[in-house]
PDB file of N, CA and C in Angstrom:
ATOM      1  N   UNK A   1     -20.678  -6.097  18.819  1.00  0.00           N
ATOM      2  CA  UNK A   1     -20.819  -5.228  17.682  1.00  0.00           C
ATOM      3  C   UNK A   1     -19.687  -5.542  16.710  1.00  0.00           C
ATOM      4  N   UNK A   2     -19.995  -5.675  15.437  1.00  0.00           N
ATOM      5  CA  UNK A   2     -18.967  -5.961  14.454  1.00  0.00           C
ATOM      6  C   UNK A   2     -19.032  -4.946  13.334  1.00  0.00           C
ATOM      7  N   UNK A   3     -18.435  -3.785  13.559  1.00  0.00           N
ATOM      8  CA  UNK A   3     -18.481  -2.679  12.614  1.00  0.00           C
ATOM      9  C   UNK A   3     -17.640  -2.951  11.382  1.00  0.00           C
ATOM     10  N   UNK A   4     -16.516  -3.610  11.553  1.00  0.00           N
ATOM     11  CA  UNK A   4     -15.562  -3.781  10.465  1.00  0.00           C
ATOM     12  C   UNK A   4     -16.101  -4.632   9.331  1.00  0.00           C
ATOM     13  N   UNK A   5     -17.091  -5.455   9.591  1.00  0.00           N
ATOM     14  CA  UNK A   5     -17.662  -6.278   8.534  1.00  0.00           C
ATOM     15  C   UNK A   5     -18.841  -5.594   7.859  1.00  0.00           C
ATOM     16  N   UNK A   6     -19.126  -4.354   8.232  1.00  0.00           N
ATOM     17  CA  UNK A   6     -20.150  -3.573   7.577  1.00  0.00           C
ATOM     18  C   UNK A   6     -21.565  -3.849   8.037  1.00  0.00           C
ATOM     19  N   UNK A   7     -21.735  -4.543   9.129  1.00  0.00           N
ATOM     20  CA  UNK A   7     -23.080  -4.836   9.598  1.00  0.00           C
ATOM     21  C   UNK A   7     -23.774  -3.597  10.130  1.00  0.00           C
ATOM     22  N   UNK A   8     -23.025  -2.677  10.664  1.00  0.00           N
ATOM     23  CA  UNK A   8     -23.595  -1.439  11.153  1.00  0.00           C
ATOM     24  C   UNK A   8     -22.497  -0.403  11.264  1.00  0.00           C
ATOM     25  N   UNK A   9     -22.893   0.842  11.302  1.00  0.00           N
ATOM     26  CA  UNK A   9     -21.930   1.930  11.420  1.00  0.00           C
ATOM     27  C   UNK A   9     -21.599   2.154  12.891  1.00  0.00           C
ATOM     28  N   UNK A  10     -20.334   2.454  13.154  1.00  0.00           N
ATOM     29  CA  UNK A  10     -19.954   2.796  14.521  1.00  0.00           C
ATOM     30  C   UNK A  10     -18.649   3.556  14.508  1.00  0.00           C
ATOM     31  N   UNK A  11     -18.291   4.043  15.645  1.00  0.00           N
ATOM     32  CA  UNK A  11     -17.051   4.774  15.847  1.00  0.00           C
ATOM     33  C   UNK A  11     -15.908   3.764  15.940  1.00  0.00           C
ATOM     34  N   UNK A  12     -14.844   3.896  15.081  1.00  0.00           N
ATOM     35  CA  UNK A  12     -13.730   2.942  15.151  1.00  0.00           C
ATOM     36  C   UNK A  12     -13.100   2.847  16.537  1.00  0.00           C
ATOM     37  N   UNK A  13     -13.060   3.948  17.286  1.00  0.00           N
ATOM     38  CA  UNK A  13     -12.496   3.905  18.638  1.00  0.00           C
ATOM     39  C   UNK A  13     -13.343   3.023  19.539  1.00  0.00           C
ATOM     40  N   UNK A  14     -14.659   3.050  19.337  1.00  0.00           N
ATOM     41  CA  UNK A  14     -15.552   2.196  20.116  1.00  0.00           C
ATOM     42  C   UNK A  14     -15.288   0.728  19.790  1.00  0.00           C
ATOM     43  N   UNK A  15     -15.084   0.430  18.507  1.00  0.00           N
ATOM     44  CA  UNK A  15     -14.811  -0.950  18.129  1.00  0.00           C
ATOM     45  C   UNK A  15     -13.477  -1.402  18.711  1.00  0.00           C
ATOM     46  N   UNK A  16     -12.448  -0.556  18.658  1.00  0.00           N
ATOM     47  CA  UNK A  16     -11.145  -0.913  19.212  1.00  0.00           C
ATOM     48  C   UNK A  16     -11.282  -1.293  20.677  1.00  0.00           C
ATOM     49  N   UNK A  17     -12.093  -0.551  21.406  1.00  0.00           N
ATOM     50  CA  UNK A  17     -12.273  -0.850  22.820  1.00  0.00           C
ATOM     51  C   UNK A  17     -12.904  -2.223  23.016  1.00  0.00           C
ATOM     52  N   UNK A  18     -13.698  -2.671  22.057  1.00  0.00           N
ATOM     53  CA  UNK A  18     -14.363  -3.957  22.217  1.00  0.00           C
ATOM     54  C   UNK A  18     -13.497  -5.130  21.782  1.00  0.00           C
ATOM     55  N   UNK A  19     -12.411  -4.879  21.038  1.00  0.00           N
ATOM     56  CA  UNK A  19     -11.587  -5.976  20.549  1.00  0.00           C
ATOM     57  C   UNK A  19     -10.193  -5.986  21.157  1.00  0.00           C
ATOM     58  N   UNK A  20      -9.919  -5.111  22.109  1.00  0.00           N
ATOM     59  CA  UNK A  20      -8.592  -5.050  22.715  1.00  0.00           C
ATOM     60  C   UNK A  20      -8.204  -6.421  23.267  1.00  0.00           C
ATOM     61  N   UNK A  21      -6.965  -6.795  23.009  1.00  0.00           N
ATOM     62  CA  UNK A  21      -6.471  -8.116  23.380  1.00  0.00           C
ATOM     63  C   UNK A  21      -5.200  -7.945  24.188  1.00  0.00           C
ATOM     64  N   UNK A  22      -5.029  -8.767  25.186  1.00  0.00           N
ATOM     65  CA  UNK A  22      -3.807  -8.766  25.982  1.00  0.00           C
ATOM     66  C   UNK A  22      -3.568 -10.178  26.499  1.00  0.00           C
ATOM     67  N   UNK A  23      -2.355 -10.675  26.279  1.00  0.00           N
ATOM     68  CA  UNK A  23      -2.017 -12.016  26.762  1.00  0.00           C
ATOM     69  C   UNK A  23      -0.553 -12.042  27.189  1.00  0.00           C
ATOM     70  N   UNK A  24      -0.338 -12.406  28.437  1.00  0.00           N
ATOM     71  CA  UNK A  24       1.020 -12.550  28.972  1.00  0.00           C
ATOM     72  C   UNK A  24       1.574 -13.886  28.477  1.00  0.00           C
ATOM     73  N   UNK A  25       2.738 -13.859  27.845  1.00  0.00           N
ATOM     74  CA  UNK A  25       3.361 -15.061  27.304  1.00  0.00           C
ATOM     75  C   UNK A  25       4.306 -15.674  28.329  1.00  0.00           C
ATOM     76  N   UNK A  26       4.602 -16.942  28.169  1.00  0.00           N
ATOM     77  CA  UNK A  26       5.475 -17.639  29.124  1.00  0.00           C
ATOM     78  C   UNK A  26       6.869 -17.015  29.177  1.00  0.00           C
ATOM     79  N   UNK A  27       7.263 -16.314  28.127  1.00  0.00           N
ATOM     80  CA  UNK A  27       8.566 -15.652  28.082  1.00  0.00           C
ATOM     81  C   UNK A  27       8.613 -14.394  28.941  1.00  0.00           C
ATOM     82  N   UNK A  28       7.438 -13.956  29.418  1.00  0.00           N
ATOM     83  CA  UNK A  28       7.367 -12.712  30.178  1.00  0.00           C
ATOM     84  C   UNK A  28       6.955 -11.535  29.302  1.00  0.00           C
ATOM     85  N   UNK A  29       6.976 -11.721  27.993  1.00  0.00           N
ATOM     86  CA  UNK A  29       6.521 -10.677  27.072  1.00  0.00           C
ATOM     87  C   UNK A  29       4.991 -10.673  27.057  1.00  0.00           C
ATOM     88  N   UNK A  30       4.418  -9.596  26.531  1.00  0.00           N
ATOM     89  CA  UNK A  30       2.966  -9.484  26.450  1.00  0.00           C
ATOM     90  C   UNK A  30       2.548  -9.214  25.020  1.00  0.00           C
ATOM     91  N   UNK A  31       1.554  -9.955  24.540  1.00  0.00           N
ATOM     92  CA  UNK A  31       0.961  -9.759  23.220  1.00  0.00           C
ATOM     93  C   UNK A  31      -0.269  -8.883  23.412  1.00  0.00           C
ATOM     94  N   UNK A  32      -0.318  -7.751  22.697  1.00  0.00           N
ATOM     95  CA  UNK A  32      -1.398  -6.776  22.857  1.00  0.00           C
ATOM     96  C   UNK A  32      -1.982  -6.378  21.517  1.00  0.00           C
ATOM     97  N   UNK A  33      -3.227  -5.941  21.540  1.00  0.00           N
ATOM     98  CA  UNK A  33      -3.769  -5.220  20.391  1.00  0.00           C
ATOM     99  C   UNK A  33      -2.948  -3.938  20.253  1.00  0.00           C
ATOM    100  N   UNK A  34      -2.571  -3.619  19.029  1.00  0.00           N
ATOM    101  CA  UNK A  34      -1.804  -2.398  18.795  1.00  0.00           C
ATOM    102  C   UNK A  34      -2.684  -1.184  19.050  1.00  0.00           C
ATOM    103  N   UNK A  35      -2.118  -0.197  19.711  1.00  0.00           N
ATOM    104  CA  UNK A  35      -2.813   1.051  20.018  1.00  0.00           C
ATOM    105  C   UNK A  35      -2.043   2.212  19.381  1.00  0.00           C
ATOM    106  N   UNK A  36      -2.708   3.332  19.168  1.00  0.00           N
ATOM    107  CA  UNK A  36      -2.027   4.475  18.545  1.00  0.00           C
ATOM    108  C   UNK A  36      -0.720   4.871  19.233  1.00  0.00           C
ATOM    109  N   UNK A  37      -0.642   4.691  20.544  1.00  0.00           N
ATOM    110  CA  UNK A  37       0.587   5.080  21.254  1.00  0.00           C
ATOM    111  C   UNK A  37       1.783   4.186  20.917  1.00  0.00           C
ATOM    112  N   UNK A  38       1.565   3.075  20.227  1.00  0.00           N
ATOM    113  CA  UNK A  38       2.663   2.200  19.806  1.00  0.00           C
ATOM    114  C   UNK A  38       3.299   2.651  18.486  1.00  0.00           C
ATOM    115  N   UNK A  39       2.652   3.544  17.764  1.00  0.00           N
ATOM    116  CA  UNK A  39       3.069   3.891  16.400  1.00  0.00           C
ATOM    117  C   UNK A  39       4.509   4.396  16.304  1.00  0.00           C
ATOM    118  N   UNK A  40       4.906   5.272  17.191  1.00  0.00           N
ATOM    119  CA  UNK A  40       6.276   5.817  17.139  1.00  0.00           C
ATOM    120  C   UNK A  40       7.305   4.706  17.348  1.00  0.00           C
ATOM    121  N   UNK A  41       7.050   3.832  18.313  1.00  0.00           N
ATOM    122  CA  UNK A  41       7.984   2.729  18.561  1.00  0.00           C
ATOM    123  C   UNK A  41       8.016   1.748  17.393  1.00  0.00           C
ATOM    124  N   UNK A  42       6.879   1.552  16.726  1.00  0.00           N
ATOM    125  CA  UNK A  42       6.855   0.662  15.561  1.00  0.00           C
ATOM    126  C   UNK A  42       7.713   1.217  14.435  1.00  0.00           C
ATOM    127  N   UNK A  43       7.656   2.509  14.246  1.00  0.00           N
ATOM    128  CA  UNK A  43       8.500   3.147  13.231  1.00  0.00           C
ATOM    129  C   UNK A  43       9.978   2.901  13.551  1.00  0.00           C
ATOM    130  N   UNK A  44      10.354   3.057  14.799  1.00  0.00           N
ATOM    131  CA  UNK A  44      11.739   2.825  15.210  1.00  0.00           C
ATOM    132  C   UNK A  44      12.129   1.347  15.101  1.00  0.00           C
ATOM    133  N   UNK A  45      11.231   0.454  15.489  1.00  0.00           N
ATOM    134  CA  UNK A  45      11.497  -0.984  15.396  1.00  0.00           C
ATOM    135  C   UNK A  45      11.767  -1.390  13.951  1.00  0.00           C
ATOM    136  N   UNK A  46      11.010  -0.827  13.020  1.00  0.00           N
ATOM    137  CA  UNK A  46      11.197  -1.139  11.609  1.00  0.00           C
ATOM    138  C   UNK A  46      12.607  -0.789  11.140  1.00  0.00           C
ATOM    139  N   UNK A  47      13.166   0.300  11.634  1.00  0.00           N
ATOM    140  CA  UNK A  47      14.530   0.701  11.263  1.00  0.00           C
ATOM    141  C   UNK A  47      15.540  -0.349  11.713  1.00  0.00           C
ATOM    142  N   UNK A  48      15.285  -0.978  12.849  1.00  0.00           N
ATOM    143  CA  UNK A  48      16.173  -2.027  13.362  1.00  0.00           C
ATOM    144  C   UNK A  48      16.005  -3.321  12.586  1.00  0.00           C
ATOM    145  N   UNK A  49      14.755  -3.695  12.321  1.00  0.00           N
ATOM    146  CA  UNK A  49      14.467  -4.969  11.668  1.00  0.00           C
ATOM    147  C   UNK A  49      14.804  -4.926  10.179  1.00  0.00           C
ATOM    148  N   UNK A  50      14.560  -3.794   9.532  1.00  0.00           N
ATOM    149  CA  UNK A  50      14.799  -3.642   8.094  1.00  0.00           C
ATOM    150  C   UNK A  50      15.737  -2.454   7.845  1.00  0.00           C
ATOM    151  N   UNK A  51      17.009  -2.572   8.216  1.00  0.00           N
ATOM    152  CA  UNK A  51      17.924  -1.424   8.141  1.00  0.00           C
ATOM    153  C   UNK A  51      18.228  -0.951   6.722  1.00  0.00           C
ATOM    154  N   UNK A  52      17.937  -1.764   5.719  1.00  0.00           N
ATOM    155  CA  UNK A  52      18.260  -1.357   4.350  1.00  0.00           C
ATOM    156  C   UNK A  52      17.111  -0.646   3.640  1.00  0.00           C
ATOM    157  N   UNK A  53      15.956  -0.519   4.280  1.00  0.00           N
ATOM    158  CA  UNK A  53      14.850   0.193   3.652  1.00  0.00           C
ATOM    159  C   UNK A  53      15.182   1.674   3.534  1.00  0.00           C
ATOM    160  N   UNK A  54      14.845   2.240   2.394  1.00  0.00           N
ATOM    161  CA  UNK A  54      14.993   3.689   2.251  1.00  0.00           C
ATOM    162  C   UNK A  54      13.835   4.369   2.974  1.00  0.00           C
ATOM    163  N   UNK A  55      13.959   5.642   3.197  1.00  0.00           N
ATOM    164  CA  UNK A  55      12.908   6.400   3.887  1.00  0.00           C
ATOM    165  C   UNK A  55      11.578   6.254   3.159  1.00  0.00           C
ATOM    166  N   UNK A  56      11.610   6.283   1.833  1.00  0.00           N
ATOM    167  CA  UNK A  56      10.379   6.179   1.047  1.00  0.00           C
ATOM    168  C   UNK A  56       9.724   4.806   1.148  1.00  0.00           C
ATOM    169  N   UNK A  57      10.475   3.781   1.479  1.00  0.00           N
ATOM    170  CA  UNK A  57       9.929   2.425   1.602  1.00  0.00           C
ATOM    171  C   UNK A  57       9.369   2.139   2.998  1.00  0.00           C
ATOM    172  N   UNK A  58       9.758   2.944   3.958  1.00  0.00           N
ATOM    173  CA  UNK A  58       9.394   2.682   5.347  1.00  0.00           C
ATOM    174  C   UNK A  58       7.977   3.123   5.679  1.00  0.00           C
ATOM    175  N   UNK A  59       7.347   2.377   6.579  1.00  0.00           N
ATOM    176  CA  UNK A  59       6.115   2.828   7.215  1.00  0.00           C
ATOM    177  C   UNK A  59       6.523   3.822   8.287  1.00  0.00           C
ATOM    178  N   UNK A  60       5.807   4.892   8.342  1.00  0.00           N
ATOM    179  CA  UNK A  60       6.034   5.859   9.403  1.00  0.00           C
ATOM    180  C   UNK A  60       4.877   5.766  10.402  1.00  0.00           C
ATOM    181  N   UNK A  61       5.006   6.434  11.503  1.00  0.00           N
ATOM    182  CA  UNK A  61       4.013   6.343  12.580  1.00  0.00           C
ATOM    183  C   UNK A  61       2.597   6.566  12.057  1.00  0.00           C
ATOM    184  N   UNK A  62       2.437   7.528  11.163  1.00  0.00           N
ATOM    185  CA  UNK A  62       1.090   7.808  10.647  1.00  0.00           C
ATOM    186  C   UNK A  62       0.524   6.640   9.840  1.00  0.00           C
ATOM    187  N   UNK A  63       1.394   5.844   9.191  1.00  0.00           N
ATOM    188  CA  UNK A  63       0.925   4.660   8.475  1.00  0.00           C
ATOM    189  C   UNK A  63       0.401   3.606   9.459  1.00  0.00           C
ATOM    190  N   UNK A  64       1.153   3.383  10.522  1.00  0.00           N
ATOM    191  CA  UNK A  64       0.701   2.428  11.539  1.00  0.00           C
ATOM    192  C   UNK A  64      -0.612   2.890  12.161  1.00  0.00           C
ATOM    193  N   UNK A  65      -0.724   4.186  12.417  1.00  0.00           N
ATOM    194  CA  UNK A  65      -1.959   4.704  13.003  1.00  0.00           C
ATOM    195  C   UNK A  65      -3.144   4.505  12.058  1.00  0.00           C
ATOM    196  N   UNK A  66      -2.925   4.644  10.766  1.00  0.00           N
ATOM    197  CA  UNK A  66      -4.004   4.428   9.798  1.00  0.00           C
ATOM    198  C   UNK A  66      -4.406   2.951   9.775  1.00  0.00           C
ATOM    199  N   UNK A  67      -3.434   2.045   9.851  1.00  0.00           N
ATOM    200  CA  UNK A  67      -3.752   0.615   9.927  1.00  0.00           C
ATOM    201  C   UNK A  67      -4.632   0.327  11.137  1.00  0.00           C
ATOM    202  N   UNK A  68      -4.287   0.908  12.264  1.00  0.00           N
ATOM    203  CA  UNK A  68      -5.067   0.700  13.488  1.00  0.00           C
ATOM    204  C   UNK A  68      -6.480   1.254  13.311  1.00  0.00           C
ATOM    205  N   UNK A  69      -6.574   2.400  12.687  1.00  0.00           N
ATOM    206  CA  UNK A  69      -7.893   3.010  12.457  1.00  0.00           C
ATOM    207  C   UNK A  69      -8.761   2.140  11.544  1.00  0.00           C
ATOM    208  N   UNK A  70      -8.161   1.608  10.468  1.00  0.00           N
ATOM    209  CA  UNK A  70      -8.935   0.860   9.480  1.00  0.00           C
ATOM    210  C   UNK A  70      -9.247  -0.573   9.894  1.00  0.00           C
ATOM    211  N   UNK A  71      -8.330  -1.199  10.619  1.00  0.00           N
ATOM    212  CA  UNK A  71      -8.508  -2.620  10.961  1.00  0.00           C
ATOM    213  C   UNK A  71      -7.897  -2.896  12.329  1.00  0.00           C
ATOM    214  N   UNK A  72      -8.489  -2.353  13.386  1.00  0.00           N
ATOM    215  CA  UNK A  72      -7.888  -2.456  14.720  1.00  0.00           C
ATOM    216  C   UNK A  72      -7.738  -3.884  15.217  1.00  0.00           C
ATOM    217  N   UNK A  73      -8.645  -4.776  14.848  1.00  0.00           N
ATOM    218  CA  UNK A  73      -8.577  -6.137  15.349  1.00  0.00           C
ATOM    219  C   UNK A  73      -7.495  -6.968  14.663  1.00  0.00           C
ATOM    220  N   UNK A  74      -6.823  -6.409  13.659  1.00  0.00           N
ATOM    221  CA  UNK A  74      -5.787  -7.156  12.947  1.00  0.00           C
ATOM    222  C   UNK A  74      -4.376  -6.692  13.214  1.00  0.00           C
ATOM    223  N   UNK A  75      -4.175  -5.881  14.225  1.00  0.00           N
ATOM    224  CA  UNK A  75      -2.856  -5.322  14.525  1.00  0.00           C
ATOM    225  C   UNK A  75      -2.438  -5.748  15.928  1.00  0.00           C
ATOM    226  N   UNK A  76      -1.246  -6.318  16.039  1.00  0.00           N
ATOM    227  CA  UNK A  76      -0.767  -6.779  17.345  1.00  0.00           C
ATOM    228  C   UNK A  76       0.680  -6.374  17.561  1.00  0.00           C
ATOM    229  N   UNK A  77       1.029  -6.076  18.797  1.00  0.00           N
ATOM    230  CA  UNK A  77       2.408  -5.818  19.183  1.00  0.00           C
ATOM    231  C   UNK A  77       2.792  -6.769  20.305  1.00  0.00           C
ATOM    232  N   UNK A  78       4.084  -7.012  20.408  1.00  0.00           N
ATOM    233  CA  UNK A  78       4.636  -7.725  21.551  1.00  0.00           C
ATOM    234  C   UNK A  78       5.467  -6.696  22.303  1.00  0.00           C
ATOM    235  N   UNK A  79       5.212  -6.603  23.601  1.00  0.00           N
ATOM    236  CA  UNK A  79       5.939  -5.623  24.406  1.00  0.00           C
ATOM    237  C   UNK A  79       6.715  -6.310  25.518  1.00  0.00           C
ATOM    238  N   UNK A  80       7.836  -5.700  25.830  1.00  0.00           N
ATOM    239  CA  UNK A  80       8.659  -6.087  26.967  1.00  0.00           C
ATOM    240  C   UNK A  80       8.582  -4.895  27.915  1.00  0.00           C
ATOM    241  N   UNK A  81       7.690  -4.965  28.874  1.00  0.00           N
ATOM    242  CA  UNK A  81       7.403  -3.786  29.698  1.00  0.00           C
ATOM    243  C   UNK A  81       6.645  -2.787  28.841  1.00  0.00           C
ATOM    244  N   UNK A  82       7.223  -1.604  28.666  1.00  0.00           N
ATOM    245  CA  UNK A  82       6.610  -0.575  27.823  1.00  0.00           C
ATOM    246  C   UNK A  82       7.238  -0.511  26.436  1.00  0.00           C
ATOM    247  N   UNK A  83       8.222  -1.361  26.175  1.00  0.00           N
ATOM    248  CA  UNK A  83       8.975  -1.294  24.912  1.00  0.00           C
ATOM    249  C   UNK A  83       8.421  -2.288  23.900  1.00  0.00           C
ATOM    250  N   UNK A  84       8.074  -1.793  22.699  1.00  0.00           N
ATOM    251  CA  UNK A  84       7.603  -2.648  21.610  1.00  0.00           C
ATOM    252  C   UNK A  84       8.789  -3.422  21.043  1.00  0.00           C
ATOM    253  N   UNK A  85       8.669  -4.759  21.029  1.00  0.00           N
ATOM    254  CA  UNK A  85       9.755  -5.607  20.522  1.00  0.00           C
ATOM    255  C   UNK A  85       9.299  -6.488  19.355  1.00  0.00           C
ATOM    256  N   UNK A  86       8.020  -6.425  18.994  1.00  0.00           N
ATOM    257  CA  UNK A  86       7.520  -7.215  17.881  1.00  0.00           C
ATOM    258  C   UNK A  86       6.195  -6.682  17.395  1.00  0.00           C
ATOM    259  N   UNK A  87       5.849  -7.055  16.152  1.00  0.00           N
ATOM    260  CA  UNK A  87       4.631  -6.541  15.532  1.00  0.00           C
ATOM    261  C   UNK A  87       4.095  -7.547  14.532  1.00  0.00           C
ATOM    262  N   UNK A  88       2.787  -7.641  14.446  1.00  0.00           N
ATOM    263  CA  UNK A  88       2.141  -8.430  13.406  1.00  0.00           C
ATOM    264  C   UNK A  88       0.901  -7.675  12.963  1.00  0.00           C
ATOM    265  N   UNK A  89       0.694  -7.637  11.672  1.00  0.00           N
ATOM    266  CA  UNK A  89      -0.455  -6.903  11.141  1.00  0.00           C
ATOM    267  C   UNK A  89      -1.573  -7.826  10.675  1.00  0.00           C
ATOM    268  N   UNK A  90      -1.631  -9.032  11.238  1.00  0.00           N
ATOM    269  CA  UNK A  90      -2.753  -9.906  10.951  1.00  0.00           C
ATOM    270  C   UNK A  90      -2.628 -10.716   9.677  1.00  0.00           C
ATOM    271  N   UNK A  91      -1.415 -10.829   9.149  1.00  0.00           N
ATOM    272  CA  UNK A  91      -1.236 -11.573   7.910  1.00  0.00           C
ATOM    273  C   UNK A  91      -1.228 -13.072   8.149  1.00  0.00           C
ATOM    274  N   UNK A  92      -1.196 -13.468   9.398  1.00  0.00           N
ATOM    275  CA  UNK A  92      -1.197 -14.883   9.748  1.00  0.00           C
ATOM    276  C   UNK A  92      -2.083 -15.099  10.955  1.00  0.00           C
ATOM    277  N   UNK A  93      -2.544 -16.297  11.139  1.00  0.00           N
ATOM    278  CA  UNK A  93      -3.326 -16.566  12.342  1.00  0.00           C
ATOM    279  C   UNK A  93      -2.571 -17.475  13.293  1.00  0.00           C
ATOM    280  N   UNK A  94      -1.291 -17.677  13.029  1.00  0.00           N
ATOM    281  CA  UNK A  94      -0.450 -18.498  13.883  1.00  0.00           C
ATOM    282  C   UNK A  94       0.720 -17.667  14.369  1.00  0.00           C
ATOM    283  N   UNK A  95       0.883 -17.564  15.684  1.00  0.00           N
ATOM    284  CA  UNK A  95       1.974 -16.772  16.258  1.00  0.00           C
ATOM    285  C   UNK A  95       3.094 -17.694  16.678  1.00  0.00           C
ATOM    286  N   UNK A  96       4.300 -17.374  16.215  1.00  0.00           N
ATOM    287  CA  UNK A  96       5.481 -18.148  16.574  1.00  0.00           C
ATOM    288  C   UNK A  96       6.434 -17.211  17.300  1.00  0.00           C
ATOM    289  N   UNK A  97       6.321 -17.163  18.605  1.00  0.00           N
ATOM    290  CA  UNK A  97       7.144 -16.226  19.393  1.00  0.00           C
ATOM    291  C   UNK A  97       8.195 -16.976  20.175  1.00  0.00           C
TER     292      UNK A  97
END
């Protein structure tokens, strides 16, 4: 089923379940489809990666959750155990980890 391309209507949660991705990397980290439960950690990660952003410039958890809702197949996180250590929002098709 490919709801995101407009071929048919469906529940975004149903589509997310069909496109979930998980790959264990040689480094021991795991590349995953981003899920709503990652949103809080993504907000915190952004503060570390971009410490000079003002509050108004930052994505907050609700922004990440909206990205996941609108385009679930284009959001990826890298986790070390349960901790989010990287993020990509689908702007590239080549991963350099």
